[in-house]
Amino acid sequence: PKSRAEKKVRAAELLRSVGLDQSALGRYPHEFSGGQRQRIN
């Protein structure tokens, strides 16, 4: 993906594939538990 909008859509798909909601995209790592951070990794 090149555009910001396309990146956001694809990133949300990746998060859903690891069991996280799209709302996580606008948050910082310190707001998540260790398990959630590993899902982001």
PDB file of all heavy atoms in Angstrom:
ATOM      1  N   PRO A   1       0.822  -1.213   0.000  1.00  0.00           N
ATOM      2  CA  PRO A   1       0.000   0.000   0.000  1.00  0.00           C
ATOM      3  C   PRO A   1       0.856   1.263   0.000  1.00  0.00           C
ATOM      4  O   PRO A   1       1.887   1.328   0.662  1.00  0.00           O
ATOM      5  CB  PRO A   1      -0.800  -0.118   1.307  1.00  0.00           C
ATOM      6  CG  PRO A   1      -0.792  -1.559   1.642  1.00  0.00           C
ATOM      7  CD  PRO A   1       0.504  -2.096   1.138  1.00  0.00           C
ATOM      8  N   LYS A   2       0.390   2.261  -0.752  1.00  0.00           N
ATOM      9  CA  LYS A   2       1.132   3.526  -0.845  1.00  0.00           C
ATOM     10  C   LYS A   2       0.418   4.669  -0.125  1.00  0.00           C
ATOM     11  O   LYS A   2       1.034   5.446   0.600  1.00  0.00           O
ATOM     12  CB  LYS A   2       1.333   3.909  -2.314  1.00  0.00           C
ATOM     13  CG  LYS A   2       2.093   2.861  -3.140  1.00  0.00           C
ATOM     14  CD  LYS A   2       3.510   2.681  -2.669  1.00  0.00           C
ATOM     15  CE  LYS A   2       4.328   1.838  -3.655  1.00  0.00           C
ATOM     16  NZ  LYS A   2       3.843   0.428  -3.717  1.00  0.00           N
ATOM     17  N   SER A   3      -0.881   4.800  -0.325  1.00  0.00           N
ATOM     18  CA  SER A   3      -1.610   5.914   0.285  1.00  0.00           C
ATOM     19  C   SER A   3      -1.901   5.616   1.752  1.00  0.00           C
ATOM     20  O   SER A   3      -1.975   4.454   2.169  1.00  0.00           O
ATOM     21  CB  SER A   3      -2.929   6.158  -0.450  1.00  0.00           C
ATOM     22  OG  SER A   3      -3.846   5.098  -0.202  1.00  0.00           O
ATOM     23  N   ARG A   4      -2.082   6.672   2.522  1.00  0.00           N
ATOM     24  CA  ARG A   4      -2.367   6.507   3.949  1.00  0.00           C
ATOM     25  C   ARG A   4      -3.685   5.757   4.163  1.00  0.00           C
ATOM     26  O   ARG A   4      -3.788   4.914   5.049  1.00  0.00           O
ATOM     27  CB  ARG A   4      -2.419   7.870   4.645  1.00  0.00           C
ATOM     28  CG  ARG A   4      -2.689   7.765   6.144  1.00  0.00           C
ATOM     29  CD  ARG A   4      -2.585   9.107   6.838  1.00  0.00           C
ATOM     30  NE  ARG A   4      -2.938   9.003   8.245  1.00  0.00           N
ATOM     31  CZ  ARG A   4      -2.114   8.611   9.204  1.00  0.00           C
ATOM     32  NH1 ARG A   4      -0.883   8.275   8.906  1.00  0.00           N
ATOM     33  NH2 ARG A   4      -2.526   8.566  10.459  1.00  0.00           N
ATOM     34  N   ALA A   5      -4.679   6.062   3.317  1.00  0.00           N
ATOM     35  CA  ALA A   5      -5.980   5.402   3.475  1.00  0.00           C
ATOM     36  C   ALA A   5      -5.863   3.903   3.228  1.00  0.00           C
ATOM     37  O   ALA A   5      -6.426   3.093   3.985  1.00  0.00           O
ATOM     38  CB  ALA A   5      -6.981   6.020   2.504  1.00  0.00           C
ATOM     39  N   GLU A   6      -5.121   3.532   2.178  1.00  0.00           N
ATOM     40  CA  GLU A   6      -4.963   2.104   1.880  1.00  0.00           C
ATOM     41  C   GLU A   6      -4.154   1.418   2.972  1.00  0.00           C
ATOM     42  O   GLU A   6      -4.452   0.283   3.363  1.00  0.00           O
ATOM     43  CB  GLU A   6      -4.276   1.925   0.525  1.00  0.00           C
ATOM     44  CG  GLU A   6      -4.259   0.481   0.055  1.00  0.00           C
ATOM     45  CD  GLU A   6      -3.559   0.305  -1.277  1.00  0.00           C
ATOM     46  OE1 GLU A   6      -3.031   1.309  -1.810  1.00  0.00           O
ATOM     47  OE2 GLU A   6      -3.517  -0.838  -1.775  1.00  0.00           O
ATOM     48  N   LYS A   7      -3.129   2.100   3.475  1.00  0.00           N
ATOM     49  CA  LYS A   7      -2.331   1.531   4.563  1.00  0.00           C
ATOM     50  C   LYS A   7      -3.203   1.265   5.792  1.00  0.00           C
ATOM     51  O   LYS A   7      -3.060   0.236   6.450  1.00  0.00           O
ATOM     52  CB  LYS A   7      -1.181   2.464   4.924  1.00  0.00           C
ATOM     53  CG  LYS A   7      -0.052   2.496   3.911  1.00  0.00           C
ATOM     54  CD  LYS A   7       1.042   3.466   4.357  1.00  0.00           C
ATOM     55  CE  LYS A   7       2.190   3.508   3.356  1.00  0.00           C
ATOM     56  NZ  LYS A   7       3.241   4.467   3.770  1.00  0.00           N
ATOM     57  N   LYS A   8      -4.083   2.205   6.082  1.00  0.00           N
ATOM     58  CA  LYS A   8      -4.931   2.049   7.269  1.00  0.00           C
ATOM     59  C   LYS A   8      -5.858   0.848   7.121  1.00  0.00           C
ATOM     60  O   LYS A   8      -6.057   0.077   8.072  1.00  0.00           O
ATOM     61  CB  LYS A   8      -5.740   3.326   7.511  1.00  0.00           C
ATOM     62  CG  LYS A   8      -6.504   3.326   8.821  1.00  0.00           C
ATOM     63  CD  LYS A   8      -7.119   4.680   9.116  1.00  0.00           C
ATOM     64  CE  LYS A   8      -7.833   4.661  10.456  1.00  0.00           C
ATOM     65  NZ  LYS A   8      -8.410   5.995  10.789  1.00  0.00           N
ATOM     66  N   VAL A   9      -6.425   0.666   5.923  1.00  0.00           N
ATOM     67  CA  VAL A   9      -7.317  -0.465   5.678  1.00  0.00           C
ATOM     68  C   VAL A   9      -6.562  -1.783   5.833  1.00  0.00           C
ATOM     69  O   VAL A   9      -7.022  -2.716   6.501  1.00  0.00           O
ATOM     70  CB  VAL A   9      -7.951  -0.358   4.277  1.00  0.00           C
ATOM     71  CG1 VAL A   9      -8.679  -1.655   3.911  1.00  0.00           C
ATOM     72  CG2 VAL A   9      -8.920   0.813   4.224  1.00  0.00           C
ATOM     73  N   ARG A  10      -5.390  -1.871   5.210  1.00  0.00           N
ATOM     74  CA  ARG A  10      -4.611  -3.101   5.265  1.00  0.00           C
ATOM     75  C   ARG A  10      -4.095  -3.373   6.680  1.00  0.00           C
ATOM     76  O   ARG A  10      -4.025  -4.522   7.125  1.00  0.00           O
ATOM     77  CB  ARG A  10      -3.442  -3.022   4.281  1.00  0.00           C
ATOM     78  CG  ARG A  10      -3.845  -3.044   2.817  1.00  0.00           C
ATOM     79  CD  ARG A  10      -4.052  -4.453   2.290  1.00  0.00           C
ATOM     80  NE  ARG A  10      -2.806  -5.192   2.283  1.00  0.00           N
ATOM     81  CZ  ARG A  10      -1.890  -5.120   1.317  1.00  0.00           C
ATOM     82  NH1 ARG A  10      -2.097  -4.346   0.259  1.00  0.00           N
ATOM     83  NH2 ARG A  10      -0.795  -5.844   1.385  1.00  0.00           N
ATOM     84  N   ALA A  11      -3.701  -2.306   7.385  1.00  0.00           N
ATOM     85  CA  ALA A  11      -3.228  -2.469   8.761  1.00  0.00           C
ATOM     86  C   ALA A  11      -4.344  -2.988   9.659  1.00  0.00           C
ATOM     87  O   ALA A  11      -4.116  -3.840  10.530  1.00  0.00           O
ATOM     88  CB  ALA A  11      -2.688  -1.155   9.303  1.00  0.00           C
ATOM     89  N   ALA A  12      -5.559  -2.493   9.448  1.00  0.00           N
ATOM     90  CA  ALA A  12      -6.702  -2.976  10.229  1.00  0.00           C
ATOM     91  C   ALA A  12      -6.948  -4.453   9.955  1.00  0.00           C
ATOM     92  O   ALA A  12      -7.276  -5.225  10.870  1.00  0.00           O
ATOM     93  CB  ALA A  12      -7.945  -2.153   9.898  1.00  0.00           C
ATOM     94  N   GLU A  13      -6.772  -4.886   8.707  1.00  0.00           N
ATOM     95  CA  GLU A  13      -6.926  -6.300   8.363  1.00  0.00           C
ATOM     96  C   GLU A  13      -5.874  -7.147   9.083  1.00  0.00           C
ATOM     97  O   GLU A  13      -6.181  -8.241   9.586  1.00  0.00           O
ATOM     98  CB  GLU A  13      -6.796  -6.485   6.846  1.00  0.00           C
ATOM     99  CG  GLU A  13      -7.951  -5.886   6.058  1.00  0.00           C
ATOM    100  CD  GLU A  13      -7.700  -5.924   4.553  1.00  0.00           C
ATOM    101  OE1 GLU A  13      -6.590  -6.327   4.136  1.00  0.00           O
ATOM    102  OE2 GLU A  13      -8.611  -5.543   3.800  1.00  0.00           O
ATOM    103  N   LEU A  14      -4.644  -6.646   9.125  1.00  0.00           N
ATOM    104  CA  LEU A  14      -3.588  -7.374   9.822  1.00  0.00           C
ATOM    105  C   LEU A  14      -3.893  -7.498  11.307  1.00  0.00           C
ATOM    106  O   LEU A  14      -3.699  -8.565  11.909  1.00  0.00           O
ATOM    107  CB  LEU A  14      -2.242  -6.673   9.624  1.00  0.00           C
ATOM    108  CG  LEU A  14      -1.577  -6.850   8.264  1.00  0.00           C
ATOM    109  CD1 LEU A  14      -0.385  -5.904   8.144  1.00  0.00           C
ATOM    110  CD2 LEU A  14      -1.125  -8.289   8.058  1.00  0.00           C
ATOM    111  N   LEU A  15      -4.374  -6.414  11.914  1.00  0.00           N
ATOM    112  CA  LEU A  15      -4.704  -6.470  13.335  1.00  0.00           C
ATOM    113  C   LEU A  15      -5.822  -7.465  13.600  1.00  0.00           C
ATOM    114  O   LEU A  15      -5.769  -8.227  14.574  1.00  0.00           O
ATOM    115  CB  LEU A  15      -5.101  -5.085  13.847  1.00  0.00           C
ATOM    116  CG  LEU A  15      -3.988  -4.058  14.029  1.00  0.00           C
ATOM    117  CD1 LEU A  15      -4.544  -2.813  14.709  1.00  0.00           C
ATOM    118  CD2 LEU A  15      -2.827  -4.617  14.845  1.00  0.00           C
ATOM    119  N   ARG A  16      -6.833  -7.480  12.737  1.00  0.00           N
ATOM    120  CA  ARG A  16      -7.922  -8.440  12.926  1.00  0.00           C
ATOM    121  C   ARG A  16      -7.404  -9.879  12.820  1.00  0.00           C
ATOM    122  O   ARG A  16      -7.877 -10.767  13.533  1.00  0.00           O
ATOM    123  CB  ARG A  16      -9.035  -8.186  11.905  1.00  0.00           C
ATOM    124  CG  ARG A  16      -9.933  -7.012  12.250  1.00  0.00           C
ATOM    125  CD  ARG A  16     -11.196  -7.001  11.411  1.00  0.00           C
ATOM    126  NE  ARG A  16     -10.916  -6.679  10.017  1.00  0.00           N
ATOM    127  CZ  ARG A  16     -10.873  -5.453   9.530  1.00  0.00           C
ATOM    128  NH1 ARG A  16     -11.067  -4.402  10.330  1.00  0.00           N
ATOM    129  NH2 ARG A  16     -10.634  -5.237   8.248  1.00  0.00           N
ATOM    130  N   SER A  17      -6.420 -10.090  11.943  1.00  0.00           N
ATOM    131  CA  SER A  17      -5.890 -11.446  11.784  1.00  0.00           C
ATOM    132  C   SER A  17      -5.174 -11.935  13.034  1.00  0.00           C
ATOM    133  O   SER A  17      -5.044 -13.147  13.240  1.00  0.00           O
ATOM    134  CB  SER A  17      -4.949 -11.510  10.581  1.00  0.00           C
ATOM    135  OG  SER A  17      -3.711 -10.885  10.845  1.00  0.00           O
ATOM    136  N   VAL A  18      -4.697 -11.005  13.873  1.00  0.00           N
ATOM    137  CA  VAL A  18      -4.020 -11.401  15.111  1.00  0.00           C
ATOM    138  C   VAL A  18      -4.909 -11.191  16.339  1.00  0.00           C
ATOM    139  O   VAL A  18      -4.445 -11.275  17.472  1.00  0.00           O
ATOM    140  CB  VAL A  18      -2.677 -10.659  15.294  1.00  0.00           C
ATOM    141  CG1 VAL A  18      -1.734 -10.982  14.152  1.00  0.00           C
ATOM    142  CG2 VAL A  18      -2.873  -9.154  15.439  1.00  0.00           C
ATOM    143  N   GLY A  19      -6.192 -10.900  16.108  1.00  0.00           N
ATOM    144  CA  GLY A  19      -7.133 -10.821  17.216  1.00  0.00           C
ATOM    145  C   GLY A  19      -7.243  -9.480  17.891  1.00  0.00           C
ATOM    146  O   GLY A  19      -7.669  -9.402  19.042  1.00  0.00           O
ATOM    147  N   LEU A  20      -6.879  -8.396  17.179  1.00  0.00           N
ATOM    148  CA  LEU A  20      -7.002  -7.056  17.741  1.00  0.00           C
ATOM    149  C   LEU A  20      -7.963  -6.222  16.898  1.00  0.00           C
ATOM    150  O   LEU A  20      -8.075  -6.417  15.689  1.00  0.00           O
ATOM    151  CB  LEU A  20      -5.639  -6.360  17.802  1.00  0.00           C
ATOM    152  CG  LEU A  20      -4.627  -6.935  18.787  1.00  0.00           C
ATOM    153  CD1 LEU A  20      -3.288  -6.223  18.654  1.00  0.00           C
ATOM    154  CD2 LEU A  20      -5.134  -6.834  20.229  1.00  0.00           C
ATOM    155  N   ASP A  21      -8.612  -5.268  17.547  1.00  0.00           N
ATOM    156  CA  ASP A  21      -9.589  -4.427  16.881  1.00  0.00           C
ATOM    157  C   ASP A  21      -8.915  -3.255  16.168  1.00  0.00           C
ATOM    158  O   ASP A  21      -7.839  -2.810  16.552  1.00  0.00           O
ATOM    159  CB  ASP A  21     -10.590  -3.904  17.916  1.00  0.00           C
ATOM    160  CG  ASP A  21     -11.773  -3.215  17.274  1.00  0.00           C
ATOM    161  OD1 ASP A  21     -12.711  -3.905  16.844  1.00  0.00           O
ATOM    162  OD2 ASP A  21     -11.746  -1.966  17.188  1.00  0.00           O
ATOM    163  N   GLN A  22      -9.569  -2.712  15.159  1.00  0.00           N
ATOM    164  CA  GLN A  22      -9.054  -1.569  14.402  1.00  0.00           C
ATOM    165  C   GLN A  22      -8.778  -0.362  15.296  1.00  0.00           C
ATOM    166  O   GLN A  22      -7.909   0.462  14.994  1.00  0.00           O
ATOM    167  CB  GLN A  22     -10.054  -1.186  13.307  1.00  0.00           C
ATOM    168  CG  GLN A  22      -9.634   0.012  12.463  1.00  0.00           C
ATOM    169  CD  GLN A  22     -10.610   0.301  11.338  1.00  0.00           C
ATOM    170  OE1 GLN A  22     -11.475  -0.513  11.040  1.00  0.00           O
ATOM    171  NE2 GLN A  22     -10.471   1.460  10.708  1.00  0.00           N
ATOM    172  N   SER A  23      -9.496  -0.254  16.408  1.00  0.00           N
ATOM    173  CA  SER A  23      -9.313   0.891  17.305  1.00  0.00           C
ATOM    174  C   SER A  23      -7.898   0.958  17.869  1.00  0.00           C
ATOM    175  O   SER A  23      -7.457   2.019  18.328  1.00  0.00           O
ATOM    176  CB  SER A  23     -10.320   0.832  18.457  1.00  0.00           C
ATOM    177  OG  SER A  23     -10.118  -0.344  19.232  1.00  0.00           O
ATOM    178  N   ALA A  24      -7.161  -0.146  17.822  1.00  0.00           N
ATOM    179  CA  ALA A  24      -5.782  -0.160  18.317  1.00  0.00           C
ATOM    180  C   ALA A  24      -4.849   0.691  17.471  1.00  0.00           C
ATOM    181  O   ALA A  24      -3.785   1.110  17.935  1.00  0.00           O
ATOM    182  CB  ALA A  24      -5.260  -1.599  18.369  1.00  0.00           C
ATOM    183  N   LEU A  25      -5.218   0.972  16.220  1.00  0.00           N
ATOM    184  CA  LEU A  25      -4.317   1.678  15.304  1.00  0.00           C
ATOM    185  C   LEU A  25      -3.912   3.052  15.814  1.00  0.00           C
ATOM    186  O   LEU A  25      -2.797   3.508  15.552  1.00  0.00           O
ATOM    187  CB  LEU A  25      -4.975   1.818  13.927  1.00  0.00           C
ATOM    188  CG  LEU A  25      -5.130   0.534  13.108  1.00  0.00           C
ATOM    189  CD1 LEU A  25      -5.957   0.802  11.850  1.00  0.00           C
ATOM    190  CD2 LEU A  25      -3.770  -0.027  12.742  1.00  0.00           C
ATOM    191  N   GLY A  26      -4.793   3.729  16.529  1.00  0.00           N
ATOM    192  CA  GLY A  26      -4.511   5.089  16.981  1.00  0.00           C
ATOM    193  C   GLY A  26      -3.891   5.167  18.359  1.00  0.00           C
ATOM    194  O   GLY A  26      -3.761   6.273  18.912  1.00  0.00           O
ATOM    195  N   ARG A  27      -3.481   4.032  18.912  1.00  0.00           N
ATOM    196  CA  ARG A  27      -2.960   4.015  20.278  1.00  0.00           C
ATOM    197  C   ARG A  27      -1.466   3.703  20.290  1.00  0.00           C
ATOM    198  O   ARG A  27      -0.889   3.269  19.297  1.00  0.00           O
ATOM    199  CB  ARG A  27      -3.735   2.982  21.101  1.00  0.00           C
ATOM    200  CG  ARG A  27      -5.220   3.329  21.217  1.00  0.00           C
ATOM    201  CD  ARG A  27      -6.046   2.145  21.658  1.00  0.00           C
ATOM    202  NE  ARG A  27      -5.681   1.673  22.984  1.00  0.00           N
ATOM    203  CZ  ARG A  27      -6.190   0.569  23.540  1.00  0.00           C
ATOM    204  NH1 ARG A  27      -7.047  -0.169  22.868  1.00  0.00           N
ATOM    205  NH2 ARG A  27      -5.801   0.205  24.748  1.00  0.00           N
ATOM    206  N   TYR A  28      -0.851   3.955  21.456  1.00  0.00           N
ATOM    207  CA  TYR A  28       0.579   3.750  21.632  1.00  0.00           C
ATOM    208  C   TYR A  28       0.843   2.417  22.345  1.00  0.00           C
ATOM    209  O   TYR A  28      -0.018   1.900  23.063  1.00  0.00           O
ATOM    210  CB  TYR A  28       1.180   4.904  22.446  1.00  0.00           C
ATOM    211  CG  TYR A  28       1.250   6.209  21.688  1.00  0.00           C
ATOM    212  CD1 TYR A  28       0.227   7.150  21.810  1.00  0.00           C
ATOM    213  CD2 TYR A  28       2.334   6.503  20.858  1.00  0.00           C
ATOM    214  CE1 TYR A  28       0.274   8.358  21.120  1.00  0.00           C
ATOM    215  CE2 TYR A  28       2.398   7.701  20.165  1.00  0.00           C
ATOM    216  CZ  TYR A  28       1.371   8.624  20.297  1.00  0.00           C
ATOM    217  OH  TYR A  28       1.427   9.816  19.598  1.00  0.00           O
ATOM    218  N   PRO A  29       2.054   1.857  22.186  1.00  0.00           N
ATOM    219  CA  PRO A  29       2.353   0.547  22.783  1.00  0.00           C
ATOM    220  C   PRO A  29       2.099   0.454  24.281  1.00  0.00           C
ATOM    221  O   PRO A  29       1.665  -0.594  24.767  1.00  0.00           O
ATOM    222  CB  PRO A  29       3.838   0.359  22.456  1.00  0.00           C
ATOM    223  CG  PRO A  29       4.035   1.099  21.179  1.00  0.00           C
ATOM    224  CD  PRO A  29       3.145   2.306  21.297  1.00  0.00           C
ATOM    225  N   HIS A  30       2.356   1.548  25.030  1.00  0.00           N
ATOM    226  CA  HIS A  30       2.217   1.458  26.486  1.00  0.00           C
ATOM    227  C   HIS A  30       0.766   1.238  26.925  1.00  0.00           C
ATOM    228  O   HIS A  30       0.518   0.889  28.080  1.00  0.00           O
ATOM    229  CB  HIS A  30       2.774   2.721  27.160  1.00  0.00           C
ATOM    230  CG  HIS A  30       1.910   3.941  26.991  1.00  0.00           C
ATOM    231  ND1 HIS A  30       2.082   4.828  25.947  1.00  0.00           N
ATOM    232  CD2 HIS A  30       0.870   4.402  27.721  1.00  0.00           C
ATOM    233  CE1 HIS A  30       1.186   5.801  26.058  1.00  0.00           C
ATOM    234  NE2 HIS A  30       0.437   5.558  27.119  1.00  0.00           N
ATOM    235  N   GLU A  31      -0.172   1.410  26.002  1.00  0.00           N
ATOM    236  CA  GLU A  31      -1.581   1.224  26.329  1.00  0.00           C
ATOM    237  C   GLU A  31      -2.026  -0.234  26.235  1.00  0.00           C
ATOM    238  O   GLU A  31      -3.197  -0.534  26.483  1.00  0.00           O
ATOM    239  CB  GLU A  31      -2.442   2.090  25.408  1.00  0.00           C
ATOM    240  CG  GLU A  31      -2.135   3.581  25.496  1.00  0.00           C
ATOM    241  CD  GLU A  31      -2.983   4.393  24.536  1.00  0.00           C
ATOM    242  OE1 GLU A  31      -4.228   4.379  24.687  1.00  0.00           O
ATOM    243  OE2 GLU A  31      -2.409   5.043  23.636  1.00  0.00           O
ATOM    244  N   PHE A  32      -1.100  -1.138  25.902  1.00  0.00           N
ATOM    245  CA  PHE A  32      -1.455  -2.538  25.684  1.00  0.00           C
ATOM    246  C   PHE A  32      -0.746  -3.450  26.675  1.00  0.00           C
ATOM    247  O   PHE A  32       0.337  -3.130  27.177  1.00  0.00           O
ATOM    248  CB  PHE A  32      -1.095  -2.959  24.253  1.00  0.00           C
ATOM    249  CG  PHE A  32      -1.839  -2.213  23.193  1.00  0.00           C
ATOM    250  CD1 PHE A  32      -1.299  -1.055  22.638  1.00  0.00           C
ATOM    251  CD2 PHE A  32      -3.082  -2.635  22.761  1.00  0.00           C
ATOM    252  CE1 PHE A  32      -1.976  -0.350  21.667  1.00  0.00           C
ATOM    253  CE2 PHE A  32      -3.770  -1.935  21.790  1.00  0.00           C
ATOM    254  CZ  PHE A  32      -3.222  -0.791  21.243  1.00  0.00           C
ATOM    255  N   SER A  33      -1.342  -4.595  26.894  1.00  0.00           N
ATOM    256  CA  SER A  33      -0.718  -5.628  27.719  1.00  0.00           C
ATOM    257  C   SER A  33       0.409  -6.294  26.935  1.00  0.00           C
ATOM    258  O   SER A  33       0.562  -6.097  25.726  1.00  0.00           O
ATOM    259  CB  SER A  33      -1.752  -6.679  28.104  1.00  0.00           C
ATOM    260  OG  SER A  33      -2.152  -7.417  26.954  1.00  0.00           O
ATOM    261  N   GLY A  34       1.191  -7.135  27.623  1.00  0.00           N
ATOM    262  CA  GLY A  34       2.283  -7.833  26.966  1.00  0.00           C
ATOM    263  C   GLY A  34       1.803  -8.729  25.839  1.00  0.00           C
ATOM    264  O   GLY A  34       2.405  -8.774  24.758  1.00  0.00           O
ATOM    265  N   GLY A  35       0.706  -9.455  26.075  1.00  0.00           N
ATOM    266  CA  GLY A  35       0.175 -10.324  25.041  1.00  0.00           C
ATOM    267  C   GLY A  35      -0.317  -9.548  23.833  1.00  0.00           C
ATOM    268  O   GLY A  35      -0.115  -9.964  22.681  1.00  0.00           O
ATOM    269  N   GLN A  36      -0.966  -8.412  24.079  1.00  0.00           N
ATOM    270  CA  GLN A  36      -1.428  -7.578  22.973  1.00  0.00           C
ATOM    271  C   GLN A  36      -0.242  -7.006  22.191  1.00  0.00           C
ATOM    272  O   GLN A  36      -0.279  -6.920  20.959  1.00  0.00           O
ATOM    273  CB  GLN A  36      -2.308  -6.452  23.512  1.00  0.00           C
ATOM    274  CG  GLN A  36      -3.662  -6.931  24.021  1.00  0.00           C
ATOM    275  CD  GLN A  36      -4.403  -5.844  24.762  1.00  0.00           C
ATOM    276  OE1 GLN A  36      -3.809  -4.944  25.364  1.00  0.00           O
ATOM    277  NE2 GLN A  36      -5.729  -5.914  24.727  1.00  0.00           N
ATOM    278  N   ARG A  37       0.805  -6.619  22.896  1.00  0.00           N
ATOM    279  CA  ARG A  37       1.991  -6.101  22.199  1.00  0.00           C
ATOM    280  C   ARG A  37       2.615  -7.172  21.318  1.00  0.00           C
ATOM    281  O   ARG A  37       3.084  -6.872  20.215  1.00  0.00           O
ATOM    282  CB  ARG A  37       3.020  -5.601  23.217  1.00  0.00           C
ATOM    283  CG  ARG A  37       2.575  -4.376  23.987  1.00  0.00           C
ATOM    284  CD  ARG A  37       3.694  -3.844  24.852  1.00  0.00           C
ATOM    285  NE  ARG A  37       3.163  -3.037  25.946  1.00  0.00           N
ATOM    286  CZ  ARG A  37       3.886  -2.189  26.668  1.00  0.00           C
ATOM    287  NH1 ARG A  37       5.170  -2.059  26.431  1.00  0.00           N
ATOM    288  NH2 ARG A  37       3.341  -1.494  27.644  1.00  0.00           N
ATOM    289  N   GLN A  38       2.630  -8.414  21.796  1.00  0.00           N
ATOM    290  CA  GLN A  38       3.204  -9.460  20.962  1.00  0.00           C
ATOM    291  C   GLN A  38       2.328  -9.706  19.733  1.00  0.00           C
ATOM    292  O   GLN A  38       2.842 -10.020  18.652  1.00  0.00           O
ATOM    293  CB  GLN A  38       3.398 -10.746  21.773  1.00  0.00           C
ATOM    294  CG  GLN A  38       4.355 -11.740  21.149  1.00  0.00           C
ATOM    295  CD  GLN A  38       5.757 -11.211  20.977  1.00  0.00           C
ATOM    296  OE1 GLN A  38       6.005 -10.246  20.252  1.00  0.00           O
ATOM    297  NE2 GLN A  38       6.715 -11.846  21.660  1.00  0.00           N
ATOM    298  N   ARG A  39       1.024  -9.550  19.855  1.00  0.00           N
ATOM    299  CA  ARG A  39       0.143  -9.645  18.699  1.00  0.00           C
ATOM    300  C   ARG A  39       0.464  -8.539  17.683  1.00  0.00           C
ATOM    301  O   ARG A  39       0.442  -8.780  16.464  1.00  0.00           O
ATOM    302  CB  ARG A  39      -1.330  -9.568  19.136  1.00  0.00           C
ATOM    303  CG  ARG A  39      -1.809 -10.801  19.894  1.00  0.00           C
ATOM    304  CD  ARG A  39      -3.193 -10.599  20.477  1.00  0.00           C
ATOM    305  NE  ARG A  39      -3.573 -11.723  21.311  1.00  0.00           N
ATOM    306  CZ  ARG A  39      -4.291 -12.776  20.911  1.00  0.00           C
ATOM    307  NH1 ARG A  39      -4.727 -12.834  19.665  1.00  0.00           N
ATOM    308  NH2 ARG A  39      -4.585 -13.746  21.746  1.00  0.00           N
ATOM    309  N   ILE A  40       0.763  -7.350  18.169  1.00  0.00           N
ATOM    310  CA  ILE A  40       1.152  -6.245  17.279  1.00  0.00           C
ATOM    311  C   ILE A  40       2.473  -6.576  16.576  1.00  0.00           C
ATOM    312  O   ILE A  40       2.638  -6.334  15.373  1.00  0.00           O
ATOM    313  CB  ILE A  40       1.254  -4.927  18.064  1.00  0.00           C
ATOM    314  CG1 ILE A  40      -0.119  -4.512  18.602  1.00  0.00           C
ATOM    315  CG2 ILE A  40       1.847  -3.813  17.185  1.00  0.00           C
ATOM    316  CD1 ILE A  40      -0.078  -3.416  19.639  1.00  0.00           C
ATOM    317  N   ASN A  41       3.417  -7.135  17.323  1.00  0.00           N
ATOM    318  CA  ASN A  41       4.679  -7.563  16.711  1.00  0.00           C
ATOM    319  C   ASN A  41       4.442  -8.567  15.593  1.00  0.00           C
ATOM    320  O   ASN A  41       5.072  -8.503  14.533  1.00  0.00           O
ATOM    321  CB  ASN A  41       5.589  -8.204  17.773  1.00  0.00           C
ATOM    322  CG  ASN A  41       6.295  -7.186  18.628  1.00  0.00           C
ATOM    323  OD1 ASN A  41       6.697  -6.129  18.148  1.00  0.00           O
ATOM    324  ND2 ASN A  41       6.455  -7.491  19.896  1.00  0.00           N
TER     325      ASN A  41
END
